PDB file of N, CA and C in Angstrom:
ATOM      1  N   LYS A   1       0.845  -1.179   0.000  1.00  0.00           N
ATOM      2  CA  LYS A   1       0.000   0.000   0.000  1.00  0.00           C
ATOM      3  C   LYS A   1       0.883   1.231   0.000  1.00  0.00           C
ATOM      4  N   TYR A   2       0.457   2.231  -0.728  1.00  0.00           N
ATOM      5  CA  TYR A   2       1.216   3.464  -0.882  1.00  0.00           C
ATOM      6  C   TYR A   2       0.567   4.561  -0.049  1.00  0.00           C
ATOM      7  N   LEU A   3       1.368   5.278   0.715  1.00  0.00           N
ATOM      8  CA  LEU A   3       0.871   6.341   1.579  1.00  0.00           C
ATOM      9  C   LEU A   3       1.722   7.591   1.384  1.00  0.00           C
ATOM     10  N   VAL A   4       1.072   8.718   1.167  1.00  0.00           N
ATOM     11  CA  VAL A   4       1.774   9.990   1.049  1.00  0.00           C
ATOM     12  C   VAL A   4       1.655  10.724   2.370  1.00  0.00           C
ATOM     13  N   VAL A   5       2.795  11.078   2.942  1.00  0.00           N
ATOM     14  CA  VAL A   5       2.815  11.834   4.185  1.00  0.00           C
ATOM     15  C   VAL A   5       3.656  13.071   3.957  1.00  0.00           C
ATOM     16  N   ARG A   6       3.078  14.199   4.182  1.00  0.00           N
ATOM     17  CA  ARG A   6       3.846  15.436   4.056  1.00  0.00           C
ATOM     18  C   ARG A   6       4.385  15.776   5.434  1.00  0.00           C
ATOM     19  N   CYS A   7       5.702  15.818   5.539  1.00  0.00           N
ATOM     20  CA  CYS A   7       6.314  16.072   6.841  1.00  0.00           C
ATOM     21  C   CYS A   7       6.963  17.455   6.849  1.00  0.00           C
ATOM     22  N   VAL A   8       7.175  17.970   8.026  1.00  0.00           N
ATOM     23  CA  VAL A   8       7.813  19.276   8.172  1.00  0.00           C
ATOM     24  C   VAL A   8       9.237  19.083   8.658  1.00  0.00           C
ATOM     25  N   GLY A   9      10.081  20.057   8.380  1.00  0.00           N
ATOM     26  CA  GLY A   9      11.465  20.025   8.853  1.00  0.00           C
ATOM     27  C   GLY A   9      12.384  19.321   7.888  1.00  0.00           C
ATOM     28  N   GLY A  10      13.658  19.569   8.069  1.00  0.00           N
ATOM     29  CA  GLY A  10      14.675  18.915   7.238  1.00  0.00           C
ATOM     30  C   GLY A  10      14.757  19.518   5.856  1.00  0.00           C
ATOM     31  N   GLY A  11      15.643  18.969   5.060  1.00  0.00           N
ATOM     32  CA  GLY A  11      15.757  19.397   3.676  1.00  0.00           C
ATOM     33  C   GLY A  11      16.641  20.608   3.496  1.00  0.00           C
ATOM     34  N   PHE A  12      16.490  21.225   2.346  1.00  0.00           N
ATOM     35  CA  PHE A  12      17.275  22.406   2.009  1.00  0.00           C
ATOM     36  C   PHE A  12      16.475  23.246   1.041  1.00  0.00           C
ATOM     37  N   GLY A  13      16.880  24.471   0.864  1.00  0.00           N
ATOM     38  CA  GLY A  13      16.164  25.401   0.003  1.00  0.00           C
ATOM     39  C   GLY A  13      16.579  25.312  -1.444  1.00  0.00           C
ATOM     40  N   PRO A  14      15.796  25.932  -2.333  1.00  0.00           N
ATOM     41  CA  PRO A  14      16.130  25.941  -3.752  1.00  0.00           C
ATOM     42  C   PRO A  14      17.399  26.749  -4.000  1.00  0.00           C
ATOM     43  N   VAL A  15      18.184  26.333  -4.989  1.00  0.00           N
ATOM     44  CA  VAL A  15      19.422  27.049  -5.308  1.00  0.00           C
ATOM     45  C   VAL A  15      19.201  28.102  -6.388  1.00  0.00           C
ATOM     46  N   ALA A  16      18.021  28.108  -7.000  1.00  0.00           N
ATOM     47  CA  ALA A  16      17.665  29.109  -8.002  1.00  0.00           C
ATOM     48  C   ALA A  16      16.300  29.686  -7.646  1.00  0.00           C
ATOM     49  N   ASP A  17      16.056  30.924  -8.018  1.00  0.00           N
ATOM     50  CA  ASP A  17      14.781  31.559  -7.695  1.00  0.00           C
ATOM     51  C   ASP A  17      13.591  30.780  -8.252  1.00  0.00           C
ATOM     52  N   ASN A  18      13.747  30.176  -9.437  1.00  0.00           N
ATOM     53  CA  ASN A  18      12.647  29.442 -10.059  1.00  0.00           C
ATOM     54  C   ASN A  18      12.822  27.928  -9.918  1.00  0.00           C
ATOM     55  N   GLY A  19      13.555  27.498  -8.897  1.00  0.00           N
ATOM     56  CA  GLY A  19      13.810  26.078  -8.700  1.00  0.00           C
ATOM     57  C   GLY A  19      13.200  25.551  -7.410  1.00  0.00           C
ATOM     58  N   TYR A  20      13.544  24.305  -7.131  1.00  0.00           N
ATOM     59  CA  TYR A  20      13.038  23.617  -5.940  1.00  0.00           C
ATOM     60  C   TYR A  20      14.203  23.035  -5.152  1.00  0.00           C
ATOM     61  N   GLY A  21      14.000  22.895  -3.878  1.00  0.00           N
ATOM     62  CA  GLY A  21      14.892  22.117  -3.038  1.00  0.00           C
ATOM     63  C   GLY A  21      14.155  20.838  -2.689  1.00  0.00           C
ATOM     64  N   VAL A  22      14.744  19.685  -2.985  1.00  0.00           N
ATOM     65  CA  VAL A  22      14.081  18.412  -2.719  1.00  0.00           C
ATOM     66  C   VAL A  22      15.037  17.508  -1.959  1.00  0.00           C
ATOM     67  N   CYS A  23      14.593  17.088  -0.803  1.00  0.00           N
ATOM     68  CA  CYS A  23      15.350  16.163   0.020  1.00  0.00           C
ATOM     69  C   CYS A  23      14.468  14.940   0.239  1.00  0.00           C
ATOM     70  N   TYR A  24      15.053  13.760   0.196  1.00  0.00           N
ATOM     71  CA  TYR A  24      14.266  12.561   0.443  1.00  0.00           C
ATOM     72  C   TYR A  24      15.027  11.626   1.367  1.00  0.00           C
ATOM     73  N   CYS A  25      14.277  10.803   2.060  1.00  0.00           N
ATOM     74  CA  CYS A  25      14.857   9.865   3.007  1.00  0.00           C
ATOM     75  C   CYS A  25      14.020   8.593   3.002  1.00  0.00           C
ATOM     76  N   PHE A  26      14.674   7.455   2.770  1.00  0.00           N
ATOM     77  CA  PHE A  26      13.985   6.167   2.846  1.00  0.00           C
ATOM     78  C   PHE A  26      13.880   5.785   4.314  1.00  0.00           C
ATOM     79  N   THR A  27      12.666   5.586   4.793  1.00  0.00           N
ATOM     80  CA  THR A  27      12.450   5.275   6.207  1.00  0.00           C
ATOM     81  C   THR A  27      11.753   3.925   6.335  1.00  0.00           C
ATOM     82  N   GLY A  28      12.372   2.935   5.777  1.00  0.00           N
ATOM     83  CA  GLY A  28      11.803   1.594   5.799  1.00  0.00           C
ATOM     84  C   GLY A  28      11.640   1.080   4.388  1.00  0.00           C
ATOM     85  N   GLU A  29      11.100  -0.121   4.275  1.00  0.00           N
ATOM     86  CA  GLU A  29      10.951  -0.736   2.958  1.00  0.00           C
ATOM     87  C   GLU A  29       9.787  -0.162   2.157  1.00  0.00           C
ATOM     88  N   SER A  30       8.840   0.481   2.819  1.00  0.00           N
ATOM     89  CA  SER A  30       7.649   0.938   2.107  1.00  0.00           C
ATOM     90  C   SER A  30       7.347   2.416   2.321  1.00  0.00           C
ATOM     91  N   ARG A  31       8.336   3.182   2.763  1.00  0.00           N
ATOM     92  CA  ARG A  31       8.071   4.605   3.008  1.00  0.00           C
ATOM     93  C   ARG A  31       9.276   5.443   2.607  1.00  0.00           C
ATOM     94  N   THR A  32       8.978   6.544   1.940  1.00  0.00           N
ATOM     95  CA  THR A  32       9.984   7.540   1.598  1.00  0.00           C
ATOM     96  C   THR A  32       9.428   8.900   1.986  1.00  0.00           C
ATOM     97  N   ASN A  33      10.188   9.658   2.756  1.00  0.00           N
ATOM     98  CA  ASN A  33       9.773  11.002   3.149  1.00  0.00           C
ATOM     99  C   ASN A  33      10.448  12.026   2.248  1.00  0.00           C
ATOM    100  N   PHE A  34       9.686  13.031   1.833  1.00  0.00           N
ATOM    101  CA  PHE A  34      10.197  14.105   0.990  1.00  0.00           C
ATOM    102  C   PHE A  34      10.007  15.434   1.697  1.00  0.00           C
ATOM    103  N   HIS A  35      10.971  16.310   1.512  1.00  0.00           N
ATOM    104  CA  HIS A  35      10.836  17.698   1.931  1.00  0.00           C
ATOM    105  C   HIS A  35      11.054  18.524   0.674  1.00  0.00           C
ATOM    106  N   ILE A  36      10.035  19.267   0.257  1.00  0.00           N
ATOM    107  CA  ILE A  36      10.077  20.047  -0.975  1.00  0.00           C
ATOM    108  C   ILE A  36       9.924  21.519  -0.613  1.00  0.00           C
ATOM    109  N   SER A  37      10.820  22.344  -1.113  1.00  0.00           N
ATOM    110  CA  SER A  37      10.737  23.778  -0.836  1.00  0.00           C
ATOM    111  C   SER A  37      10.908  24.577  -2.117  1.00  0.00           C
ATOM    112  N   SER A  38      10.310  25.744  -2.135  1.00  0.00           N
ATOM    113  CA  SER A  38      10.442  26.675  -3.254  1.00  0.00           C
ATOM    114  C   SER A  38      10.202  28.078  -2.711  1.00  0.00           C
ATOM    115  N   LYS A  39      10.555  29.058  -3.505  1.00  0.00           N
ATOM    116  CA  LYS A  39      10.366  30.447  -3.086  1.00  0.00           C
ATOM    117  C   LYS A  39       8.944  30.896  -3.417  1.00  0.00           C
ATOM    118  N   ARG A  40       8.220  31.322  -2.413  1.00  0.00           N
ATOM    119  CA  ARG A  40       6.850  31.800  -2.635  1.00  0.00           C
ATOM    120  C   ARG A  40       6.817  33.040  -3.522  1.00  0.00           C
ATOM    121  N   SER A  41       7.908  33.783  -3.533  1.00  0.00           N
ATOM    122  CA  SER A  41       7.947  35.021  -4.309  1.00  0.00           C
ATOM    123  C   SER A  41       8.021  34.758  -5.813  1.00  0.00           C
ATOM    124  N   HIS A  42       8.361  33.534  -6.217  1.00  0.00           N
ATOM    125  CA  HIS A  42       8.447  33.236  -7.647  1.00  0.00           C
ATOM    126  C   HIS A  42       7.121  32.674  -8.127  1.00  0.00           C
ATOM    127  N   LEU A  43       6.583  33.240  -9.203  1.00  0.00           N
ATOM    128  CA  LEU A  43       5.253  32.871  -9.674  1.00  0.00           C
ATOM    129  C   LEU A  43       5.202  31.504 -10.352  1.00  0.00           C
ATOM    130  N   GLU A  44       6.342  30.967 -10.792  1.00  0.00           N
ATOM    131  CA  GLU A  44       6.344  29.699 -11.526  1.00  0.00           C
ATOM    132  C   GLU A  44       6.556  28.481 -10.637  1.00  0.00           C
ATOM    133  N   THR A  45       6.863  28.666  -9.367  1.00  0.00           N
ATOM    134  CA  THR A  45       7.106  27.517  -8.504  1.00  0.00           C
ATOM    135  C   THR A  45       5.961  27.340  -7.514  1.00  0.00           C
ATOM    136  N   ASP A  46       5.678  26.085  -7.208  1.00  0.00           N
ATOM    137  CA  ASP A  46       4.593  25.754  -6.287  1.00  0.00           C
ATOM    138  C   ASP A  46       4.932  24.405  -5.662  1.00  0.00           C
ATOM    139  N   SER A  47       5.388  24.418  -4.416  1.00  0.00           N
ATOM    140  CA  SER A  47       5.818  23.185  -3.754  1.00  0.00           C
ATOM    141  C   SER A  47       4.690  22.174  -3.631  1.00  0.00           C
ATOM    142  N   GLU A  48       3.487  22.623  -3.366  1.00  0.00           N
ATOM    143  CA  GLU A  48       2.367  21.688  -3.239  1.00  0.00           C
ATOM    144  C   GLU A  48       2.051  21.025  -4.573  1.00  0.00           C
ATOM    145  N   LYS A  49       2.078  21.799  -5.654  1.00  0.00           N
ATOM    146  CA  LYS A  49       1.834  21.224  -6.974  1.00  0.00           C
ATOM    147  C   LYS A  49       2.937  20.225  -7.333  1.00  0.00           C
ATOM    148  N   PHE A  50       4.177  20.560  -7.015  1.00  0.00           N
ATOM    149  CA  PHE A  50       5.297  19.650  -7.252  1.00  0.00           C
ATOM    150  C   PHE A  50       5.093  18.356  -6.478  1.00  0.00           C
ATOM    151  N   ALA A  51       4.673  18.457  -5.203  1.00  0.00           N
ATOM    152  CA  ALA A  51       4.425  17.277  -4.370  1.00  0.00           C
ATOM    153  C   ALA A  51       3.319  16.417  -4.970  1.00  0.00           C
ATOM    154  N   ASN A  52       2.265  17.048  -5.462  1.00  0.00           N
ATOM    155  CA  ASN A  52       1.175  16.299  -6.082  1.00  0.00           C
ATOM    156  C   ASN A  52       1.636  15.586  -7.345  1.00  0.00           C
ATOM    157  N   CYS A  53       2.476  16.234  -8.144  1.00  0.00           N
ATOM    158  CA  CYS A  53       3.021  15.595  -9.348  1.00  0.00           C
ATOM    159  C   CYS A  53       3.936  14.431  -8.979  1.00  0.00           C
ATOM    160  N   LEU A  54       4.733  14.597  -7.944  1.00  0.00           N
ATOM    161  CA  LEU A  54       5.604  13.525  -7.470  1.00  0.00           C
ATOM    162  C   LEU A  54       4.762  12.349  -6.970  1.00  0.00           C
ATOM    163  N   ASP A  55       3.715  12.634  -6.231  1.00  0.00           N
ATOM    164  CA  ASP A  55       2.794  11.613  -5.752  1.00  0.00           C
ATOM    165  C   ASP A  55       2.204  10.836  -6.930  1.00  0.00           C
ATOM    166  N   GLN A  56       1.737  11.543  -7.951  1.00  0.00           N
ATOM    167  CA  GLN A  56       1.147  10.885  -9.119  1.00  0.00           C
ATOM    168  C   GLN A  56       2.180  10.050  -9.863  1.00  0.00           C
ATOM    169  N   ALA A  57       3.404  10.546  -9.946  1.00  0.00           N
ATOM    170  CA  ALA A  57       4.468   9.785 -10.625  1.00  0.00           C
ATOM    171  C   ALA A  57       4.715   8.458  -9.917  1.00  0.00           C
ATOM    172  N   PHE A  58       4.756   8.467  -8.580  1.00  0.00           N
ATOM    173  CA  PHE A  58       4.943   7.222  -7.835  1.00  0.00           C
ATOM    174  C   PHE A  58       3.756   6.282  -8.029  1.00  0.00           C
ATOM    175  N   LYS A  59       2.546   6.823  -8.035  1.00  0.00           N
ATOM    176  CA  LYS A  59       1.366   5.991  -8.269  1.00  0.00           C
ATOM    177  C   LYS A  59       1.406   5.363  -9.650  1.00  0.00           C
ATOM    178  N   ASP A  60       1.839   6.136 -10.658  1.00  0.00           N
ATOM    179  CA  ASP A  60       1.952   5.614 -12.013  1.00  0.00           C
ATOM    180  C   ASP A  60       2.972   4.484 -12.082  1.00  0.00           C
ATOM    181  N   ILE A  61       4.105   4.662 -11.420  1.00  0.00           N
ATOM    182  CA  ILE A  61       5.135   3.623 -11.408  1.00  0.00           C
ATOM    183  C   ILE A  61       4.604   2.368 -10.726  1.00  0.00           C
ATOM    184  N   LEU A  62       3.941   2.547  -9.578  1.00  0.00           N
ATOM    185  CA  LEU A  62       3.409   1.391  -8.849  1.00  0.00           C
ATOM    186  C   LEU A  62       2.351   0.651  -9.658  1.00  0.00           C
ATOM    187  N   SER A  63       1.586   1.376 -10.466  1.00  0.00           N
ATOM    188  CA  SER A  63       0.548   0.729 -11.274  1.00  0.00           C
ATOM    189  C   SER A  63       1.147  -0.201 -12.321  1.00  0.00           C
ATOM    190  N   LEU A  64       2.379   0.035 -12.696  1.00  0.00           N
ATOM    191  CA  LEU A  64       3.045  -0.849 -13.669  1.00  0.00           C
ATOM    192  C   LEU A  64       3.306  -2.231 -13.088  1.00  0.00           C
ATOM    193  N   TYR A  65       3.367  -2.313 -11.768  1.00  0.00           N
ATOM    194  CA  TYR A  65       3.665  -3.575 -11.097  1.00  0.00           C
ATOM    195  C   TYR A  65       2.412  -4.308 -10.638  1.00  0.00           C
ATOM    196  N   ASN A  66       1.265  -3.700 -10.764  1.00  0.00           N
ATOM    197  CA  ASN A  66       0.011  -4.341 -10.327  1.00  0.00           C
ATOM    198  C   ASN A  66      -0.760  -4.900 -11.486  1.00  0.00           C
TER     199      ASN A  66
END
Protein backbone atom coordinates (compact mmCIF):
# COMPACT_ATOMS: atom_id res chain seq x y z
CA LYS A 1 0.00 0.00 0.00
CA TYR A 2 1.22 3.46 -0.88
CA LEU A 3 0.87 6.34 1.58
CA VAL A 4 1.77 9.99 1.05
CA VAL A 5 2.82 11.83 4.19
CA ARG A 6 3.85 15.44 4.06
CA CYS A 7 6.31 16.07 6.84
CA VAL A 8 7.81 19.28 8.17
CA GLY A 9 11.46 20.02 8.85
CA GLY A 10 14.68 18.92 7.24
CA GLY A 11 15.76 19.40 3.68
CA PHE A 12 17.27 22.41 2.01
CA GLY A 13 16.16 25.40 0.00
CA PRO A 14 16.13 25.94 -3.75
CA VAL A 15 19.42 27.05 -5.31
CA ALA A 16 17.67 29.11 -8.00
CA ASP A 17 14.78 31.56 -7.70
CA ASN A 18 12.65 29.44 -10.06
CA GLY A 19 13.81 26.08 -8.70
CA TYR A 20 13.04 23.62 -5.94
CA GLY A 21 14.89 22.12 -3.04
CA VAL A 22 14.08 18.41 -2.72
CA CYS A 23 15.35 16.16 0.02
CA TYR A 24 14.27 12.56 0.44
CA CYS A 25 14.86 9.86 3.01
CA PHE A 26 13.98 6.17 2.85
CA THR A 27 12.45 5.28 6.21
CA GLY A 28 11.80 1.59 5.80
CA GLU A 29 10.95 -0.74 2.96
CA SER A 30 7.65 0.94 2.11
CA ARG A 31 8.07 4.61 3.01
CA THR A 32 9.98 7.54 1.60
CA ASN A 33 9.77 11.00 3.15
CA PHE A 34 10.20 14.11 0.99
CA HIS A 35 10.84 17.70 1.93
CA ILE A 36 10.08 20.05 -0.97
CA SER A 37 10.74 23.78 -0.84
CA SER A 38 10.44 26.67 -3.25
CA LYS A 39 10.37 30.45 -3.09
CA ARG A 40 6.85 31.80 -2.63
CA SER A 41 7.95 35.02 -4.31
CA HIS A 42 8.45 33.24 -7.65
CA LEU A 43 5.25 32.87 -9.67
CA GLU A 44 6.34 29.70 -11.53
CA THR A 45 7.11 27.52 -8.50
CA ASP A 46 4.59 25.75 -6.29
CA SER A 47 5.82 23.18 -3.75
CA GLU A 48 2.37 21.69 -3.24
CA LYS A 49 1.83 21.22 -6.97
CA PHE A 50 5.30 19.65 -7.25
CA ALA A 51 4.42 17.28 -4.37
CA ASN A 52 1.18 16.30 -6.08
CA CYS A 53 3.02 15.59 -9.35
CA LEU A 54 5.60 13.53 -7.47
CA ASP A 55 2.79 11.61 -5.75
CA GLN A 56 1.15 10.88 -9.12
CA ALA A 57 4.47 9.79 -10.62
CA PHE A 58 4.94 7.22 -7.84
CA LYS A 59 1.37 5.99 -8.27
CA ASP A 60 1.95 5.61 -12.01
CA ILE A 61 5.13 3.62 -11.41
CA LEU A 62 3.41 1.39 -8.85
CA SER A 63 0.55 0.73 -11.27
CA LEU A 64 3.04 -0.85 -13.67
CA TYR A 65 3.67 -3.57 -11.10
CA ASN A 66 0.01 -4.34 -10.33
